[in-house]
Protein backbone atom coordinates (compact mmCIF):
# COMPACT_ATOMS: atom_id res chain seq x y z
CA UNK A 1 0.00 0.00 0.00
CA UNK A 2 2.85 2.39 0.83
CA UNK A 3 4.56 1.78 -2.52
CA UNK A 4 1.46 3.00 -4.35
CA UNK A 5 1.35 6.13 -2.21
CA UNK A 6 5.05 6.82 -2.88
CA UNK A 7 4.44 6.55 -6.62
CA UNK A 8 1.50 8.96 -6.31
CA UNK A 9 3.63 11.45 -4.41
CA UNK A 10 6.38 11.10 -7.00
CA UNK A 11 3.90 11.64 -9.83
CA UNK A 12 2.36 14.64 -8.06
CA UNK A 13 5.84 16.15 -7.65
CA UNK A 14 6.59 15.53 -11.33
CA UNK A 15 3.34 17.22 -12.42
CA UNK A 16 3.94 20.15 -10.07
CA UNK A 17 7.46 20.61 -11.43
CA UNK A 18 6.14 20.37 -14.99
CA UNK A 19 3.52 23.04 -14.28
CA UNK A 20 6.11 25.31 -12.67
CA UNK A 21 8.34 24.92 -15.73
CA UNK A 22 5.37 25.72 -17.99
CA UNK A 23 4.59 28.88 -16.01
CA UNK A 24 8.24 29.92 -16.11
CA UNK A 25 8.45 29.22 -19.84
CA UNK A 26 5.31 31.28 -20.42
CA UNK A 27 6.84 34.19 -18.50
CA UNK A 28 10.03 33.91 -20.56
CA UNK A 29 8.01 33.95 -23.79
CA UNK A 30 6.26 37.13 -22.65
CA UNK A 31 9.44 38.91 -21.52
CA UNK A 32 12.09 37.86 -24.06
CA UNK A 33 11.42 39.22 -27.56
CA UNK A 34 13.13 36.31 -29.36
CA UNK A 35 11.28 33.50 -27.54
CA UNK A 36 7.99 32.50 -29.18
CA UNK A 37 5.42 29.90 -28.18
CA UNK A 38 2.56 29.38 -30.63
CA UNK A 39 -0.16 28.05 -28.30
CA UNK A 40 -0.92 26.79 -24.80
CA UNK A 41 -0.60 23.21 -26.08
CA UNK A 42 2.89 23.98 -27.40
CA UNK A 43 3.74 25.54 -24.01
CA UNK A 44 2.82 22.33 -22.18
CA UNK A 45 4.80 20.14 -24.59
CA UNK A 46 7.76 22.56 -24.55
CA UNK A 47 7.86 22.45 -20.74
CA UNK A 48 7.99 18.65 -20.84
CA UNK A 49 10.74 18.62 -23.48
CA UNK A 50 12.71 21.32 -21.63
CA UNK A 51 12.56 19.23 -18.47
CA UNK A 52 13.81 16.19 -20.39
CA UNK A 53 16.65 18.15 -22.03
CA UNK A 54 17.63 19.62 -18.66
CA UNK A 55 17.62 16.19 -17.04
CA UNK A 56 19.43 14.22 -19.76
CA UNK A 57 21.33 16.44 -22.21
CA UNK A 58 22.41 19.38 -20.06
CA UNK A 59 24.47 17.30 -17.58
CA UNK A 60 26.42 15.87 -20.51
CA UNK A 61 27.01 19.38 -21.89
CA UNK A 62 28.09 20.59 -18.46
CA UNK A 63 30.61 17.78 -18.18
CA UNK A 64 31.99 18.29 -21.70
CA UNK A 65 32.35 22.05 -21.24
CA UNK A 66 33.67 21.96 -17.66
CA UNK A 67 37.19 23.20 -18.55
CA UNK A 68 35.76 26.17 -20.44
CA UNK A 69 33.30 26.88 -17.64
CA UNK A 70 36.13 26.89 -15.10
CA UNK A 71 38.27 29.07 -17.36
CA UNK A 72 35.46 31.65 -17.65
CA UNK A 73 34.75 31.50 -13.90
CA UNK A 74 31.35 29.91 -14.49
CA UNK A 75 30.03 32.34 -17.09
CA UNK A 76 30.06 29.71 -19.83
CA UNK A 77 27.42 27.83 -17.81
CA UNK A 78 24.94 30.48 -19.04
CA UNK A 79 25.79 29.49 -22.62
CA UNK A 80 25.28 25.80 -21.78
CA UNK A 81 21.85 26.60 -20.33
CA UNK A 82 21.03 28.66 -23.41
CA UNK A 83 22.10 25.81 -25.67
CA UNK A 84 19.84 23.38 -23.78
CA UNK A 85 16.98 25.90 -24.05
CA UNK A 86 17.63 26.27 -27.79
CA UNK A 87 17.74 22.49 -28.25
CA UNK A 88 14.34 22.17 -26.59
CA UNK A 89 13.02 24.86 -28.94
CA UNK A 90 14.44 23.02 -31.94
CA UNK A 91 12.68 19.81 -30.89
CA UNK A 92 9.21 21.33 -30.41
CA UNK A 93 7.32 22.71 -33.41
CA UNK A 94 5.75 26.04 -32.44
CA UNK A 95 8.47 26.86 -29.88
CA UNK A 96 11.21 29.01 -31.36
CA UNK A 97 14.21 30.99 -30.19
CA UNK A 98 15.61 33.73 -32.42
CA UNK A 99 19.23 33.73 -31.24
CA UNK A 100 21.69 32.41 -28.69
CA UNK A 101 21.23 35.61 -26.70
CA UNK A 102 17.47 35.05 -26.58
CA UNK A 103 18.06 31.44 -25.53
CA UNK A 104 20.44 32.45 -22.72
CA UNK A 105 18.05 35.14 -21.47
CA UNK A 106 15.08 32.78 -21.77
CA UNK A 107 16.90 30.06 -19.84
CA UNK A 108 17.87 32.58 -17.16
CA UNK A 109 14.28 33.77 -16.77
CA UNK A 110 12.97 30.18 -16.66
CA UNK A 111 15.47 29.37 -13.90
CA UNK A 112 14.60 32.49 -11.89
CA UNK A 113 10.82 32.10 -12.23
CA UNK A 114 10.98 28.35 -11.49
CA UNK A 115 13.01 29.07 -8.38
CA UNK A 116 10.59 31.76 -7.27
CA UNK A 117 7.55 29.54 -7.84
CA UNK A 118 9.24 26.66 -6.02
CA UNK A 119 9.97 28.96 -3.10
CA UNK A 120 6.36 30.21 -3.05
CA UNK A 121 4.94 26.67 -3.20
CA UNK A 122 7.22 25.67 -0.34
CA UNK A 123 9.25 22.56 0.34
CA UNK A 124 7.74 19.17 -0.38
CA UNK A 125 7.33 17.00 2.72
CA UNK A 126 9.73 14.06 2.73
CA UNK A 127 8.18 10.76 1.76
CA UNK A 128 8.03 8.07 4.39
CA UNK A 129 10.10 5.11 3.21
CA UNK A 130 10.02 2.98 6.33
CA UNK A 131 7.75 2.43 9.28
CA UNK A 132 8.69 2.05 12.90
C-alpha atoms as a PDB file:
ATOM      1  CA  UNK A   1       0.000   0.000   0.000  1.00  0.00           C
ATOM      2  CA  UNK A   2       2.855   2.393   0.833  1.00  0.00           C
ATOM      3  CA  UNK A   3       4.563   1.781  -2.524  1.00  0.00           C
ATOM      4  CA  UNK A   4       1.464   3.000  -4.354  1.00  0.00           C
ATOM      5  CA  UNK A   5       1.354   6.126  -2.209  1.00  0.00           C
ATOM      6  CA  UNK A   6       5.047   6.820  -2.883  1.00  0.00           C
ATOM      7  CA  UNK A   7       4.442   6.550  -6.619  1.00  0.00           C
ATOM      8  CA  UNK A   8       1.504   8.956  -6.312  1.00  0.00           C
ATOM      9  CA  UNK A   9       3.626  11.449  -4.406  1.00  0.00           C
ATOM     10  CA  UNK A  10       6.377  11.104  -7.004  1.00  0.00           C
ATOM     11  CA  UNK A  11       3.897  11.639  -9.834  1.00  0.00           C
ATOM     12  CA  UNK A  12       2.364  14.638  -8.064  1.00  0.00           C
ATOM     13  CA  UNK A  13       5.841  16.147  -7.651  1.00  0.00           C
ATOM     14  CA  UNK A  14       6.589  15.529 -11.330  1.00  0.00           C
ATOM     15  CA  UNK A  15       3.341  17.219 -12.417  1.00  0.00           C
ATOM     16  CA  UNK A  16       3.935  20.146 -10.070  1.00  0.00           C
ATOM     17  CA  UNK A  17       7.463  20.609 -11.433  1.00  0.00           C
ATOM     18  CA  UNK A  18       6.144  20.365 -14.986  1.00  0.00           C
ATOM     19  CA  UNK A  19       3.518  23.039 -14.277  1.00  0.00           C
ATOM     20  CA  UNK A  20       6.114  25.311 -12.666  1.00  0.00           C
ATOM     21  CA  UNK A  21       8.337  24.923 -15.735  1.00  0.00           C
ATOM     22  CA  UNK A  22       5.374  25.717 -17.994  1.00  0.00           C
ATOM     23  CA  UNK A  23       4.586  28.880 -16.014  1.00  0.00           C
ATOM     24  CA  UNK A  24       8.243  29.922 -16.114  1.00  0.00           C
ATOM     25  CA  UNK A  25       8.455  29.224 -19.844  1.00  0.00           C
ATOM     26  CA  UNK A  26       5.314  31.280 -20.421  1.00  0.00           C
ATOM     27  CA  UNK A  27       6.843  34.186 -18.503  1.00  0.00           C
ATOM     28  CA  UNK A  28      10.030  33.907 -20.556  1.00  0.00           C
ATOM     29  CA  UNK A  29       8.012  33.946 -23.785  1.00  0.00           C
ATOM     30  CA  UNK A  30       6.257  37.132 -22.646  1.00  0.00           C
ATOM     31  CA  UNK A  31       9.438  38.908 -21.516  1.00  0.00           C
ATOM     32  CA  UNK A  32      12.085  37.859 -24.056  1.00  0.00           C
ATOM     33  CA  UNK A  33      11.421  39.221 -27.563  1.00  0.00           C
ATOM     34  CA  UNK A  34      13.132  36.307 -29.359  1.00  0.00           C
ATOM     35  CA  UNK A  35      11.283  33.497 -27.544  1.00  0.00           C
ATOM     36  CA  UNK A  36       7.986  32.498 -29.176  1.00  0.00           C
ATOM     37  CA  UNK A  37       5.422  29.897 -28.182  1.00  0.00           C
ATOM     38  CA  UNK A  38       2.558  29.376 -30.632  1.00  0.00           C
ATOM     39  CA  UNK A  39      -0.161  28.053 -28.298  1.00  0.00           C
ATOM     40  CA  UNK A  40      -0.917  26.786 -24.796  1.00  0.00           C
ATOM     41  CA  UNK A  41      -0.596  23.214 -26.080  1.00  0.00           C
ATOM     42  CA  UNK A  42       2.891  23.980 -27.400  1.00  0.00           C
ATOM     43  CA  UNK A  43       3.738  25.543 -24.012  1.00  0.00           C
ATOM     44  CA  UNK A  44       2.815  22.334 -22.182  1.00  0.00           C
ATOM     45  CA  UNK A  45       4.805  20.144 -24.589  1.00  0.00           C
ATOM     46  CA  UNK A  46       7.759  22.557 -24.552  1.00  0.00           C
ATOM     47  CA  UNK A  47       7.857  22.453 -20.737  1.00  0.00           C
ATOM     48  CA  UNK A  48       7.993  18.653 -20.843  1.00  0.00           C
ATOM     49  CA  UNK A  49      10.742  18.624 -23.484  1.00  0.00           C
ATOM     50  CA  UNK A  50      12.712  21.318 -21.635  1.00  0.00           C
ATOM     51  CA  UNK A  51      12.556  19.226 -18.469  1.00  0.00           C
ATOM     52  CA  UNK A  52      13.810  16.186 -20.391  1.00  0.00           C
ATOM     53  CA  UNK A  53      16.646  18.149 -22.028  1.00  0.00           C
ATOM     54  CA  UNK A  54      17.632  19.625 -18.658  1.00  0.00           C
ATOM     55  CA  UNK A  55      17.621  16.187 -17.039  1.00  0.00           C
ATOM     56  CA  UNK A  56      19.430  14.224 -19.762  1.00  0.00           C
ATOM     57  CA  UNK A  57      21.327  16.435 -22.208  1.00  0.00           C
ATOM     58  CA  UNK A  58      22.406  19.384 -20.062  1.00  0.00           C
ATOM     59  CA  UNK A  59      24.466  17.300 -17.581  1.00  0.00           C
ATOM     60  CA  UNK A  60      26.424  15.867 -20.513  1.00  0.00           C
ATOM     61  CA  UNK A  61      27.008  19.379 -21.891  1.00  0.00           C
ATOM     62  CA  UNK A  62      28.091  20.594 -18.459  1.00  0.00           C
ATOM     63  CA  UNK A  63      30.614  17.783 -18.184  1.00  0.00           C
ATOM     64  CA  UNK A  64      31.993  18.291 -21.703  1.00  0.00           C
ATOM     65  CA  UNK A  65      32.351  22.054 -21.237  1.00  0.00           C
ATOM     66  CA  UNK A  66      33.666  21.964 -17.665  1.00  0.00           C
ATOM     67  CA  UNK A  67      37.187  23.197 -18.552  1.00  0.00           C
ATOM     68  CA  UNK A  68      35.756  26.171 -20.442  1.00  0.00           C
ATOM     69  CA  UNK A  69      33.300  26.877 -17.638  1.00  0.00           C
ATOM     70  CA  UNK A  70      36.129  26.894 -15.097  1.00  0.00           C
ATOM     71  CA  UNK A  71      38.273  29.072 -17.362  1.00  0.00           C
ATOM     72  CA  UNK A  72      35.456  31.648 -17.646  1.00  0.00           C
ATOM     73  CA  UNK A  73      34.751  31.496 -13.898  1.00  0.00           C
ATOM     74  CA  UNK A  74      31.354  29.907 -14.494  1.00  0.00           C
ATOM     75  CA  UNK A  75      30.031  32.340 -17.092  1.00  0.00           C
ATOM     76  CA  UNK A  76      30.062  29.706 -19.833  1.00  0.00           C
ATOM     77  CA  UNK A  77      27.418  27.830 -17.815  1.00  0.00           C
ATOM     78  CA  UNK A  78      24.945  30.477 -19.043  1.00  0.00           C
ATOM     79  CA  UNK A  79      25.788  29.493 -22.624  1.00  0.00           C
ATOM     80  CA  UNK A  80      25.278  25.801 -21.776  1.00  0.00           C
ATOM     81  CA  UNK A  81      21.853  26.599 -20.327  1.00  0.00           C
ATOM     82  CA  UNK A  82      21.032  28.663 -23.409  1.00  0.00           C
ATOM     83  CA  UNK A  83      22.101  25.805 -25.670  1.00  0.00           C
ATOM     84  CA  UNK A  84      19.841  23.385 -23.783  1.00  0.00           C
ATOM     85  CA  UNK A  85      16.984  25.895 -24.046  1.00  0.00           C
ATOM     86  CA  UNK A  86      17.629  26.270 -27.789  1.00  0.00           C
ATOM     87  CA  UNK A  87      17.744  22.486 -28.247  1.00  0.00           C
ATOM     88  CA  UNK A  88      14.343  22.166 -26.585  1.00  0.00           C
ATOM     89  CA  UNK A  89      13.018  24.861 -28.940  1.00  0.00           C
ATOM     90  CA  UNK A  90      14.442  23.019 -31.944  1.00  0.00           C
ATOM     91  CA  UNK A  91      12.684  19.806 -30.893  1.00  0.00           C
ATOM     92  CA  UNK A  92       9.206  21.332 -30.406  1.00  0.00           C
ATOM     93  CA  UNK A  93       7.317  22.715 -33.411  1.00  0.00           C
ATOM     94  CA  UNK A  94       5.749  26.043 -32.444  1.00  0.00           C
ATOM     95  CA  UNK A  95       8.466  26.857 -29.880  1.00  0.00           C
ATOM     96  CA  UNK A  96      11.207  29.012 -31.360  1.00  0.00           C
ATOM     97  CA  UNK A  97      14.208  30.988 -30.192  1.00  0.00           C
ATOM     98  CA  UNK A  98      15.608  33.732 -32.425  1.00  0.00           C
ATOM     99  CA  UNK A  99      19.232  33.735 -31.236  1.00  0.00           C
ATOM    100  CA  UNK A 100      21.694  32.406 -28.686  1.00  0.00           C
ATOM    101  CA  UNK A 101      21.230  35.610 -26.696  1.00  0.00           C
ATOM    102  CA  UNK A 102      17.469  35.051 -26.576  1.00  0.00           C
ATOM    103  CA  UNK A 103      18.064  31.443 -25.534  1.00  0.00           C
ATOM    104  CA  UNK A 104      20.437  32.453 -22.723  1.00  0.00           C
ATOM    105  CA  UNK A 105      18.053  35.141 -21.467  1.00  0.00           C
ATOM    106  CA  UNK A 106      15.083  32.775 -21.774  1.00  0.00           C
ATOM    107  CA  UNK A 107      16.902  30.056 -19.836  1.00  0.00           C
ATOM    108  CA  UNK A 108      17.866  32.576 -17.156  1.00  0.00           C
ATOM    109  CA  UNK A 109      14.277  33.766 -16.774  1.00  0.00           C
ATOM    110  CA  UNK A 110      12.966  30.184 -16.658  1.00  0.00           C
ATOM    111  CA  UNK A 111      15.473  29.375 -13.898  1.00  0.00           C
ATOM    112  CA  UNK A 112      14.600  32.493 -11.888  1.00  0.00           C
ATOM    113  CA  UNK A 113      10.824  32.098 -12.230  1.00  0.00           C
ATOM    114  CA  UNK A 114      10.982  28.346 -11.493  1.00  0.00           C
ATOM    115  CA  UNK A 115      13.014  29.065  -8.377  1.00  0.00           C
ATOM    116  CA  UNK A 116      10.587  31.757  -7.270  1.00  0.00           C
ATOM    117  CA  UNK A 117       7.546  29.540  -7.841  1.00  0.00           C
ATOM    118  CA  UNK A 118       9.243  26.657  -6.016  1.00  0.00           C
ATOM    119  CA  UNK A 119       9.966  28.965  -3.102  1.00  0.00           C
ATOM    120  CA  UNK A 120       6.355  30.207  -3.055  1.00  0.00           C
ATOM    121  CA  UNK A 121       4.942  26.674  -3.201  1.00  0.00           C
ATOM    122  CA  UNK A 122       7.220  25.669  -0.340  1.00  0.00           C
ATOM    123  CA  UNK A 123       9.254  22.561   0.343  1.00  0.00           C
ATOM    124  CA  UNK A 124       7.742  19.173  -0.375  1.00  0.00           C
ATOM    125  CA  UNK A 125       7.329  17.000   2.719  1.00  0.00           C
ATOM    126  CA  UNK A 126       9.732  14.060   2.732  1.00  0.00           C
ATOM    127  CA  UNK A 127       8.176  10.759   1.758  1.00  0.00           C
ATOM    128  CA  UNK A 128       8.031   8.067   4.395  1.00  0.00           C
ATOM    129  CA  UNK A 129      10.099   5.114   3.210  1.00  0.00           C
ATOM    130  CA  UNK A 130      10.023   2.978   6.329  1.00  0.00           C
ATOM    131  CA  UNK A 131       7.753   2.427   9.278  1.00  0.00           C
ATOM    132  CA  UNK A 132       8.691   2.052  12.902  1.00  0.00           C
END
